[in-house]
Amino acid sequence: MKVRLRNPDREVEVDGGRTVHGLLVELGVQPDTALVIRDGELVTRQERLKSHDEIEVRPVISGGAR
């Protein structure tokens, strides 16, 4: 599957057939710090990914007024 990571931007190819959580751990991304998007929709950490999926991993950014 194609995985596009943001911040820093890069693209990697990995095998499918794993959960979102498993993918994030393999990529060295702390699962609580990322949003995973497939076909424009957020997916949960328990969701199983397939080899033809195109995934985007975005960092969770929070902030607000002081």
PDB file of N, CA and C in Angstrom:
ATOM      1  N   MET A   1       0.839  -1.168   0.000  1.00  0.00           N
ATOM      2  CA  MET A   1       0.000   0.000   0.000  1.00  0.00           C
ATOM      3  C   MET A   1       0.880   1.225   0.000  1.00  0.00           C
ATOM      4  N   LYS A   2       0.351   2.310  -0.515  1.00  0.00           N
ATOM      5  CA  LYS A   2       1.088   3.568  -0.550  1.00  0.00           C
ATOM      6  C   LYS A   2       0.723   4.367   0.701  1.00  0.00           C
ATOM      7  N   VAL A   3       1.751   4.822   1.411  1.00  0.00           N
ATOM      8  CA  VAL A   3       1.540   5.608   2.623  1.00  0.00           C
ATOM      9  C   VAL A   3       2.238   6.950   2.459  1.00  0.00           C
ATOM     10  N   ARG A   4       1.463   8.017   2.571  1.00  0.00           N
ATOM     11  CA  ARG A   4       2.013   9.372   2.499  1.00  0.00           C
ATOM     12  C   ARG A   4       2.066   9.924   3.918  1.00  0.00           C
ATOM     13  N   LEU A   5       3.265  10.234   4.381  1.00  0.00           N
ATOM     14  CA  LEU A   5       3.452  10.800   5.712  1.00  0.00           C
ATOM     15  C   LEU A   5       3.674  12.299   5.591  1.00  0.00           C
ATOM     16  N   ARG A   6       3.146  13.024   6.540  1.00  0.00           N
ATOM     17  CA  ARG A   6       3.287  14.485   6.561  1.00  0.00           C
ATOM     18  C   ARG A   6       4.176  14.891   7.725  1.00  0.00           C
ATOM     19  N   ASN A   7       4.934  15.925   7.504  1.00  0.00           N
ATOM     20  CA  ASN A   7       5.756  16.560   8.543  1.00  0.00           C
ATOM     21  C   ASN A   7       6.804  15.623   9.125  1.00  0.00           C
ATOM     22  N   PRO A   8       7.852  15.323   8.421  1.00  0.00           N
ATOM     23  CA  PRO A   8       8.193  15.772   7.073  1.00  0.00           C
ATOM     24  C   PRO A   8       7.472  14.940   6.008  1.00  0.00           C
ATOM     25  N   ASP A   9       7.249  15.551   4.854  1.00  0.00           N
ATOM     26  CA  ASP A   9       6.565  14.870   3.761  1.00  0.00           C
ATOM     27  C   ASP A   9       7.462  13.783   3.180  1.00  0.00           C
ATOM     28  N   ARG A  10       6.897  12.591   3.087  1.00  0.00           N
ATOM     29  CA  ARG A  10       7.577  11.478   2.430  1.00  0.00           C
ATOM     30  C   ARG A  10       6.539  10.433   2.071  1.00  0.00           C
ATOM     31  N   GLU A  11       6.888   9.552   1.155  1.00  0.00           N
ATOM     32  CA  GLU A  11       5.990   8.504   0.711  1.00  0.00           C
ATOM     33  C   GLU A  11       6.720   7.172   0.786  1.00  0.00           C
ATOM     34  N   VAL A  12       6.040   6.153   1.312  1.00  0.00           N
ATOM     35  CA  VAL A  12       6.630   4.823   1.414  1.00  0.00           C
ATOM     36  C   VAL A  12       5.622   3.786   0.931  1.00  0.00           C
ATOM     37  N   GLU A  13       6.134   2.646   0.522  1.00  0.00           N
ATOM     38  CA  GLU A  13       5.301   1.500   0.144  1.00  0.00           C
ATOM     39  C   GLU A  13       5.483   0.424   1.200  1.00  0.00           C
ATOM     40  N   VAL A  14       4.382  -0.114   1.709  1.00  0.00           N
ATOM     41  CA  VAL A  14       4.431  -1.204   2.683  1.00  0.00           C
ATOM     42  C   VAL A  14       3.393  -2.251   2.300  1.00  0.00           C
ATOM     43  N   ASP A  15       3.561  -3.454   2.821  1.00  0.00           N
ATOM     44  CA  ASP A  15       2.585  -4.516   2.582  1.00  0.00           C
ATOM     45  C   ASP A  15       1.282  -4.199   3.296  1.00  0.00           C
ATOM     46  N   GLY A  16       0.163  -4.639   2.740  1.00  0.00           N
ATOM     47  CA  GLY A  16      -1.137  -4.474   3.380  1.00  0.00           C
ATOM     48  C   GLY A  16      -1.382  -5.608   4.360  1.00  0.00           C
ATOM     49  N   GLY A  17      -2.636  -5.757   4.759  1.00  0.00           N
ATOM     50  CA  GLY A  17      -3.007  -6.851   5.636  1.00  0.00           C
ATOM     51  C   GLY A  17      -2.629  -6.637   7.087  1.00  0.00           C
ATOM     52  N   ARG A  18      -2.644  -5.408   7.532  1.00  0.00           N
ATOM     53  CA  ARG A  18      -2.327  -5.095   8.931  1.00  0.00           C
ATOM     54  C   ARG A  18      -3.287  -4.023   9.412  1.00  0.00           C
ATOM     55  N   THR A  19      -3.326  -3.836  10.724  1.00  0.00           N
ATOM     56  CA  THR A  19      -4.179  -2.787  11.269  1.00  0.00           C
ATOM     57  C   THR A  19      -3.482  -1.434  11.154  1.00  0.00           C
ATOM     58  N   VAL A  20      -4.270  -0.388  11.315  1.00  0.00           N
ATOM     59  CA  VAL A  20      -3.713   0.972  11.331  1.00  0.00           C
ATOM     60  C   VAL A  20      -2.680   1.079  12.450  1.00  0.00           C
ATOM     61  N   HIS A  21      -3.009   0.550  13.627  1.00  0.00           N
ATOM     62  CA  HIS A  21      -2.079   0.600  14.767  1.00  0.00           C
ATOM     63  C   HIS A  21      -0.763  -0.090  14.407  1.00  0.00           C
ATOM     64  N   GLY A  22      -0.836  -1.272  13.807  1.00  0.00           N
ATOM     65  CA  GLY A  22       0.364  -2.005  13.411  1.00  0.00           C
ATOM     66  C   GLY A  22       1.202  -1.237  12.402  1.00  0.00           C
ATOM     67  N   LEU A  23       0.538  -0.578  11.453  1.00  0.00           N
ATOM     68  CA  LEU A  23       1.250   0.232  10.463  1.00  0.00           C
ATOM     69  C   LEU A  23       1.995   1.377  11.136  1.00  0.00           C
ATOM     70  N   LEU A  24       1.317   2.086  12.034  1.00  0.00           N
ATOM     71  CA  LEU A  24       1.948   3.219  12.701  1.00  0.00           C
ATOM     72  C   LEU A  24       3.162   2.778  13.516  1.00  0.00           C
ATOM     73  N   VAL A  25       3.021   1.677  14.239  1.00  0.00           N
ATOM     74  CA  VAL A  25       4.146   1.174  15.038  1.00  0.00           C
ATOM     75  C   VAL A  25       5.312   0.820  14.127  1.00  0.00           C
ATOM     76  N   GLU A  26       5.033   0.138  13.009  1.00  0.00           N
ATOM     77  CA  GLU A  26       6.099  -0.242  12.069  1.00  0.00           C
ATOM     78  C   GLU A  26       6.814   0.988  11.509  1.00  0.00           C
ATOM     79  N   LEU A  27       6.065   2.062  11.293  1.00  0.00           N
ATOM     80  CA  LEU A  27       6.649   3.283  10.733  1.00  0.00           C
ATOM     81  C   LEU A  27       7.326   4.146  11.803  1.00  0.00           C
ATOM     82  N   GLY A  28       7.224   3.724  13.055  1.00  0.00           N
ATOM     83  CA  GLY A  28       7.842   4.491  14.131  1.00  0.00           C
ATOM     84  C   GLY A  28       7.051   5.722  14.533  1.00  0.00           C
ATOM     85  N   VAL A  29       5.752   5.687  14.275  1.00  0.00           N
ATOM     86  CA  VAL A  29       4.870   6.804  14.614  1.00  0.00           C
ATOM     87  C   VAL A  29       4.063   6.422  15.851  1.00  0.00           C
ATOM     88  N   GLN A  30       4.110   7.257  16.877  1.00  0.00           N
ATOM     89  CA  GLN A  30       3.320   7.022  18.083  1.00  0.00           C
ATOM     90  C   GLN A  30       1.839   7.121  17.706  1.00  0.00           C
ATOM     91  N   PRO A  31       1.054   6.041  17.869  1.00  0.00           N
ATOM     92  CA  PRO A  31      -0.345   6.040  17.414  1.00  0.00           C
ATOM     93  C   PRO A  31      -1.200   7.182  17.967  1.00  0.00           C
ATOM     94  N   ASP A  32      -0.933   7.648  19.170  1.00  0.00           N
ATOM     95  CA  ASP A  32      -1.742   8.729  19.745  1.00  0.00           C
ATOM     96  C   ASP A  32      -1.408  10.102  19.170  1.00  0.00           C
ATOM     97  N   THR A  33      -0.400  10.180  18.319  1.00  0.00           N
ATOM     98  CA  THR A  33       0.019  11.475  17.782  1.00  0.00           C
ATOM     99  C   THR A  33      -0.307  11.642  16.304  1.00  0.00           C
ATOM    100  N   ALA A  34      -1.115  10.726  15.738  1.00  0.00           N
ATOM    101  CA  ALA A  34      -1.362  10.775  14.295  1.00  0.00           C
ATOM    102  C   ALA A  34      -2.818  10.516  13.950  1.00  0.00           C
ATOM    103  N   LEU A  35      -3.238  11.134  12.848  1.00  0.00           N
ATOM    104  CA  LEU A  35      -4.525  10.855  12.230  1.00  0.00           C
ATOM    105  C   LEU A  35      -4.238  10.073  10.960  1.00  0.00           C
ATOM    106  N   VAL A  36      -5.034   9.043  10.697  1.00  0.00           N
ATOM    107  CA  VAL A  36      -4.839   8.234   9.501  1.00  0.00           C
ATOM    108  C   VAL A  36      -6.080   8.375   8.627  1.00  0.00           C
ATOM    109  N   ILE A  37      -5.848   8.694   7.360  1.00  0.00           N
ATOM    110  CA  ILE A  37      -6.929   8.998   6.429  1.00  0.00           C
ATOM    111  C   ILE A  37      -6.839   8.053   5.238  1.00  0.00           C
ATOM    112  N   ARG A  38      -7.997   7.465   4.886  1.00  0.00           N
ATOM    113  CA  ARG A  38      -8.105   6.608   3.693  1.00  0.00           C
ATOM    114  C   ARG A  38      -9.309   7.099   2.901  1.00  0.00           C
ATOM    115  N   ASP A  39      -9.105   7.395   1.652  1.00  0.00           N
ATOM    116  CA  ASP A  39     -10.189   7.878   0.780  1.00  0.00           C
ATOM    117  C   ASP A  39     -10.915   9.077   1.384  1.00  0.00           C
ATOM    118  N   GLY A  40     -10.164   9.996   1.998  1.00  0.00           N
ATOM    119  CA  GLY A  40     -10.745  11.210   2.539  1.00  0.00           C
ATOM    120  C   GLY A  40     -11.460  11.055   3.875  1.00  0.00           C
ATOM    121  N   GLU A  41     -11.406   9.857   4.473  1.00  0.00           N
ATOM    122  CA  GLU A  41     -12.089   9.626   5.743  1.00  0.00           C
ATOM    123  C   GLU A  41     -11.120   9.095   6.784  1.00  0.00           C
ATOM    124  N   LEU A  42     -11.309   9.548   8.026  1.00  0.00           N
ATOM    125  CA  LEU A  42     -10.492   9.048   9.128  1.00  0.00           C
ATOM    126  C   LEU A  42     -10.772   7.571   9.357  1.00  0.00           C
ATOM    127  N   VAL A  43      -9.738   6.814   9.687  1.00  0.00           N
ATOM    128  CA  VAL A  43      -9.911   5.405  10.024  1.00  0.00           C
ATOM    129  C   VAL A  43      -9.406   5.178  11.450  1.00  0.00           C
ATOM    130  N   THR A  44      -9.995   4.203  12.118  1.00  0.00           N
ATOM    131  CA  THR A  44      -9.619   3.908  13.501  1.00  0.00           C
ATOM    132  C   THR A  44      -8.359   3.053  13.537  1.00  0.00           C
ATOM    133  N   ARG A  45      -7.728   2.994  14.700  1.00  0.00           N
ATOM    134  CA  ARG A  45      -6.502   2.199  14.857  1.00  0.00           C
ATOM    135  C   ARG A  45      -6.751   0.707  14.680  1.00  0.00           C
ATOM    136  N   GLN A  46      -7.980   0.247  14.907  1.00  0.00           N
ATOM    137  CA  GLN A  46      -8.295  -1.181  14.797  1.00  0.00           C
ATOM    138  C   GLN A  46      -8.627  -1.608  13.371  1.00  0.00           C
ATOM    139  N   GLU A  47      -8.844  -0.642  12.493  1.00  0.00           N
ATOM    140  CA  GLU A  47      -9.242  -0.957  11.124  1.00  0.00           C
ATOM    141  C   GLU A  47      -8.122  -1.663  10.370  1.00  0.00           C
ATOM    142  N   ARG A  48      -8.492  -2.677   9.574  1.00  0.00           N
ATOM    143  CA  ARG A  48      -7.517  -3.440   8.804  1.00  0.00           C
ATOM    144  C   ARG A  48      -7.326  -2.784   7.445  1.00  0.00           C
ATOM    145  N   LEU A  49      -6.073  -2.643   7.047  1.00  0.00           N
ATOM    146  CA  LEU A  49      -5.724  -2.021   5.776  1.00  0.00           C
ATOM    147  C   LEU A  49      -5.421  -3.089   4.731  1.00  0.00           C
ATOM    148  N   LYS A  50      -5.659  -2.742   3.471  1.00  0.00           N
ATOM    149  CA  LYS A  50      -5.430  -3.677   2.369  1.00  0.00           C
ATOM    150  C   LYS A  50      -4.291  -3.179   1.491  1.00  0.00           C
ATOM    151  N   SER A  51      -3.750  -4.073   0.687  1.00  0.00           N
ATOM    152  CA  SER A  51      -2.577  -3.734  -0.117  1.00  0.00           C
ATOM    153  C   SER A  51      -2.853  -2.655  -1.162  1.00  0.00           C
ATOM    154  N   HIS A  52      -4.096  -2.493  -1.591  1.00  0.00           N
ATOM    155  CA  HIS A  52      -4.398  -1.479  -2.612  1.00  0.00           C
ATOM    156  C   HIS A  52      -4.766  -0.115  -2.004  1.00  0.00           C
ATOM    157  N   ASP A  53      -4.805  -0.016  -0.680  1.00  0.00           N
ATOM    158  CA  ASP A  53      -5.166   1.244  -0.023  1.00  0.00           C
ATOM    159  C   ASP A  53      -4.092   2.314  -0.231  1.00  0.00           C
ATOM    160  N   GLU A  54      -4.552   3.557  -0.277  1.00  0.00           N
ATOM    161  CA  GLU A  54      -3.653   4.705  -0.242  1.00  0.00           C
ATOM    162  C   GLU A  54      -3.984   5.459   1.036  1.00  0.00           C
ATOM    163  N   ILE A  55      -2.989   5.596   1.891  1.00  0.00           N
ATOM    164  CA  ILE A  55      -3.165   6.108   3.243  1.00  0.00           C
ATOM    165  C   ILE A  55      -2.378   7.398   3.403  1.00  0.00           C
ATOM    166  N   GLU A  56      -2.935   8.318   4.179  1.00  0.00           N
ATOM    167  CA  GLU A  56      -2.209   9.519   4.554  1.00  0.00           C
ATOM    168  C   GLU A  56      -2.134   9.558   6.076  1.00  0.00           C
ATOM    169  N   VAL A  57      -0.941   9.819   6.587  1.00  0.00           N
ATOM    170  CA  VAL A  57      -0.721   9.920   8.029  1.00  0.00           C
ATOM    171  C   VAL A  57      -0.361  11.367   8.330  1.00  0.00           C
ATOM    172  N   ARG A  58      -1.207  12.015   9.139  1.00  0.00           N
ATOM    173  CA  ARG A  58      -0.984  13.418   9.501  1.00  0.00           C
ATOM    174  C   ARG A  58      -0.755  13.528  11.005  1.00  0.00           C
ATOM    175  N   PRO A  59       0.166  14.375  11.412  1.00  0.00           N
ATOM    176  CA  PRO A  59       0.375  14.578  12.851  1.00  0.00           C
ATOM    177  C   PRO A  59      -0.806  15.339  13.449  1.00  0.00           C
ATOM    178  N   VAL A  60      -1.138  14.994  14.688  1.00  0.00           N
ATOM    179  CA  VAL A  60      -2.165  15.727  15.420  1.00  0.00           C
ATOM    180  C   VAL A  60      -1.518  17.000  15.933  1.00  0.00           C
ATOM    181  N   ILE A  61      -2.111  18.122  15.609  1.00  0.00           N
ATOM    182  CA  ILE A  61      -1.573  19.410  16.052  1.00  0.00           C
ATOM    183  C   ILE A  61      -2.669  20.113  16.840  1.00  0.00           C
ATOM    184  N   SER A  62      -2.334  20.513  18.036  1.00  0.00           N
ATOM    185  CA  SER A  62      -3.311  21.241  18.838  1.00  0.00           C
ATOM    186  C   SER A  62      -2.736  22.598  19.210  1.00  0.00           C
ATOM    187  N   GLY A  63      -3.607  23.477  19.550  1.00  0.00           N
ATOM    188  CA  GLY A  63      -3.189  24.814  19.933  1.00  0.00           C
ATOM    189  C   GLY A  63      -4.393  25.653  20.238  1.00  0.00           C
ATOM    190  N   GLY A  64      -4.168  26.865  20.552  1.00  0.00           N
ATOM    191  CA  GLY A  64      -5.295  27.741  20.848  1.00  0.00           C
ATOM    192  C   GLY A  64      -4.813  29.109  21.237  1.00  0.00           C
ATOM    193  N   ALA A  65      -5.755  29.933  21.592  1.00  0.00           N
ATOM    194  CA  ALA A  65      -5.443  31.300  21.985  1.00  0.00           C
ATOM    195  C   ALA A  65      -4.840  31.328  23.377  1.00  0.00           C
ATOM    196  N   ARG A  66      -3.971  32.280  23.603  1.00  0.00           N
ATOM    197  CA  ARG A  66      -3.373  32.440  24.929  1.00  0.00           C
ATOM    198  C   ARG A  66      -4.066  33.514  25.692  1.00  0.00           C
TER     199      ARG A  66
END
